[in-house]
Amino acid sequence: MNDLFESWKTAQKGGIRLGRSNEDALWKRFRAARTVFDRHRRAYFSQLDSTNSAAKSAKEKLIAEAEALSSSTDWGFAAGEYRRLMDEWKASPRASRKDDDALWARFRAAQDVFFTHRQAANEEIDQEYAANLTVKEALLVEANSILPVKDLAAAKKALQSVRDRWEEAGKVPRAEMGRIEAGLRKVEDAVRNAEEENWQRSNPETKARTNSALSQLEAAISGLQDDLAKAEKAGDQRKIKGPARPSRRGRPGWTRSSARPASFPSQ
């Protein structure tokens, strides 16, 4: 549009002169076209400025929240909040390229401060937990020396001592937690099983049932021995040999041909 206007002015100065009425009519048409274009251009950039301002305002708010969280030591909560802020940032409208890049740099810088602090804290904790792991590894060796359980009272006392020091040792790195806890649990289960077996052996009810069954068996054996002695004294060979076992063929309810119960129909 600017190039056309410059060409118009050049033609006006050095071109063929038209009549005034024609010049005025042509100029009005040209000026009207420029006016419409300028009005649309101003409206476009006004809307663009408004959108850019709204985008900047929304992202400035997110930056303020990110910067407020950057010094937090509530690692889990703050990390979750940063995820939320990131989702809101992605959903926000973009500002102009220049403004958006500058805003993003500020937002990212606030996150970097927090995550750098968290990483340093985690490294310090990992070092502490690594020392705890060394202690628990030694305790696990000591606990395994209890097995197999021979003296239950001594085993329980030794295991309790290991447990007390185990709790005092503190946490271990997350990657080692399952393995180290499973090792101690194996020893605990073995001692618990030994304790249950000992209880079953010493349980008065169990002992009473065992003694009763044993007494009945002993009485039955004694009765059979008395019967055998009487049969031997009387010379009763049939009783000495005992009752004969019935043969399969002689069992009631069986046929000679099929060895099936006589009351069952053949199939």
Foldseek 3Di string as FASTA:
>chain_A
DVVVVVVVVVCPVPNDDDDPVVVVVVVVVVVVVVVVVVVVVVVVVVVLVVLLVVLLVVLVVLLVVLLVLLPDPPLVVSVVVLVVSVVVNVVGDAHPPVSRVVSVVSNVVSVVSNVVVVVVVVVVVQVLQQQLVVVLVVLLVQLVVCPPPDDLVVNVVSLVVSVVVNVVSDHHPPVCVVVSVVSNVVSVVNSVVVVVVVCCVVPPVNVVVVVVVVVVVVVVVVVLVVQCVVCVVVVPPDPVVPPDDDDLPPDAQADPPPSHGVVDDDD
